[in-house]
Protein backbone atom coordinates (compact mmCIF):
# COMPACT_ATOMS: atom_id res chain seq x y z
CA MET A 1 16.80 -14.71 -19.43
CA PRO A 2 13.25 -13.37 -19.69
CA GLU A 3 12.38 -9.93 -18.32
CA THR A 4 10.16 -9.89 -15.30
CA ALA A 5 8.25 -7.23 -13.41
CA PRO A 6 6.17 -7.28 -10.28
CA ALA A 7 2.55 -8.25 -11.02
CA PHE A 8 1.03 -7.66 -7.61
CA TYR A 9 1.57 -7.31 -3.87
CA LYS A 10 -0.87 -9.21 -1.67
CA ILE A 11 -1.50 -8.01 1.91
CA PHE A 12 -4.01 -9.03 4.46
CA VAL A 13 -6.06 -6.28 6.15
CA LYS A 14 -8.67 -6.17 8.90
CA ASP A 15 -11.20 -3.87 7.09
CA LEU A 16 -11.41 -4.29 3.34
CA GLU A 17 -13.53 -1.19 2.67
CA ARG A 18 -11.30 1.10 4.75
CA SER A 19 -8.16 -0.23 2.94
CA VAL A 20 -9.77 0.09 -0.54
CA ASP A 21 -10.59 3.70 0.30
CA PHE A 22 -7.12 4.34 1.74
CA TYR A 23 -5.15 3.01 -1.25
CA GLY A 24 -7.54 4.68 -3.69
CA ALA A 25 -7.63 8.11 -2.06
CA CYS A 26 -3.93 8.26 -1.09
CA LEU A 27 -2.19 6.51 -4.01
CA GLY A 28 -4.79 6.54 -6.86
CA PHE A 29 -5.47 2.82 -6.99
CA GLN A 30 -8.74 1.79 -8.60
CA GLU A 31 -10.76 -1.30 -7.75
CA GLN A 32 -10.80 -3.80 -10.62
CA ARG A 33 -12.24 -6.97 -9.23
CA ARG A 34 -13.49 -8.75 -6.07
CA ILE A 35 -12.84 -12.44 -5.62
CA ASP A 36 -14.25 -14.93 -3.18
CA ALA A 37 -11.07 -17.01 -2.57
CA GLY A 38 -12.72 -19.49 -0.18
CA LYS A 39 -11.16 -18.77 3.20
CA PHE A 40 -10.63 -15.07 2.39
CA ASP A 41 -11.98 -12.25 0.19
CA GLU A 42 -9.72 -10.37 -2.25
CA VAL A 43 -10.01 -6.95 -3.82
CA ILE A 44 -7.62 -6.29 -6.74
CA LEU A 45 -6.58 -2.61 -7.05
CA THR A 46 -4.64 -1.35 -10.05
CA PRO A 47 -2.48 1.76 -10.23
CA SER A 48 -3.55 4.73 -12.35
CA LYS A 49 -0.32 4.32 -14.33
CA GLN A 50 1.65 1.16 -15.26
CA GLY A 51 2.88 -0.82 -12.29
CA ALA A 52 2.12 -3.65 -9.91
CA SER A 53 -1.38 -4.13 -8.48
CA VAL A 54 -2.17 -4.31 -4.81
CA VAL A 55 -4.37 -7.23 -3.75
CA LEU A 56 -6.12 -6.62 -0.45
CA CYS A 57 -7.27 -9.72 1.39
CA ARG A 58 -9.52 -10.19 4.45
CA TRP A 59 -9.83 -13.48 6.39
CA LYS A 60 -13.51 -14.50 6.52
CA ASP A 61 -13.16 -16.09 9.95
CA GLY A 62 -12.15 -12.74 11.50
CA ARG A 63 -8.69 -13.90 12.61
CA ASN A 64 -6.11 -11.22 13.57
CA VAL A 65 -3.74 -9.88 10.93
CA ASP A 66 -0.27 -10.41 12.36
CA ARG A 67 2.83 -8.91 10.77
CA GLY A 68 6.26 -10.44 11.29
CA ASN A 69 9.63 -8.87 10.66
CA ALA A 70 10.34 -10.66 7.37
CA GLN A 71 8.73 -8.10 5.07
CA GLY A 72 9.82 -4.60 4.26
CA PRO A 73 7.68 -1.74 2.98
CA THR A 74 6.06 -1.60 -0.44
CA GLY A 75 7.49 1.33 -2.39
CA TYR A 76 5.84 3.88 -4.54
CA PHE A 77 7.22 6.71 -6.67
CA VAL A 78 5.02 9.81 -6.20
CA ALA A 79 5.31 13.44 -7.25
CA ASP A 80 4.31 15.13 -3.98
CA ILE A 81 5.60 13.18 -0.99
CA ASP A 82 4.70 15.89 1.50
CA GLY A 83 1.14 16.23 0.26
CA ILE A 84 0.53 12.45 -0.09
CA SER A 85 2.01 11.88 3.40
CA ALA A 86 -0.43 14.40 4.85
CA ILE A 87 -3.38 12.72 3.09
CA MET A 88 -2.29 9.31 4.35
CA ILE A 89 -1.97 10.56 7.95
CA ASP A 90 -5.39 12.22 7.68
CA ARG A 91 -6.81 8.82 6.64
CA GLY A 92 -5.30 6.86 9.51
CA ALA A 93 -1.64 6.22 8.54
CA LYS A 94 1.17 6.74 11.03
CA ALA A 95 4.46 8.47 10.09
CA ILE A 96 7.53 6.32 10.67
CA LEU A 97 10.14 8.45 8.85
CA GLY A 98 10.26 11.84 7.17
CA PRO A 99 9.66 13.10 4.67
CA VAL A 100 13.45 13.59 4.45
CA ASP A 101 16.00 14.19 1.70
CA TYR A 102 18.45 11.38 1.36
CA SER A 103 21.04 10.64 -1.33
CA GLY A 104 19.26 12.55 -4.11
CA MET A 105 15.79 11.29 -3.15
CA ARG A 106 12.96 12.54 -0.95
CA ILE A 107 11.70 9.67 1.16
CA ALA A 108 8.86 9.03 3.64
CA VAL A 109 7.87 5.83 5.34
CA LEU A 110 4.41 5.42 6.81
CA ALA A 111 2.26 2.60 8.15
CA ASP A 112 -1.17 2.17 6.65
CA PRO A 113 -4.15 1.77 9.00
CA ASP A 114 -3.34 -1.95 9.38
CA GLY A 115 0.35 -1.30 10.04
CA HIS A 116 1.77 -2.29 6.64
CA GLU A 117 4.76 -0.10 5.83
CA ILE A 118 4.66 2.11 2.73
CA GLU A 119 7.78 3.87 1.38
CA LEU A 120 7.16 6.96 -0.75
CA LEU A 121 10.03 8.12 -3.03
CA SER A 122 10.71 11.01 -5.46
CA ARG A 123 13.87 12.36 -7.01
CA VAL A 124 14.98 15.71 -5.62
């Protein structure tokens, strides 16, 4: 069986520039490319270290971004959960959980400015 690893996570957002700034400033993602995908625009962000990219998409027709209950948070290992959580909140995120220590990990769950859940993790 071949090895696989996540290549990207694609999420739809209301304001591309705000989201590019949020993921760059809070998690260190860097813009790599912009794509006109017909009905929507994409911005590909890559992590500063090895890992999956985040592809931010915005519908060109201005439709609402609706989130259902079938998707959980995207998770990121970070060194300073408390500091990064504070930066995220300062840039429009909402705290959902923590930061708390749980089962040998420090965990925080936040919602980005569009409501997408982000789980931050580090080993205690």
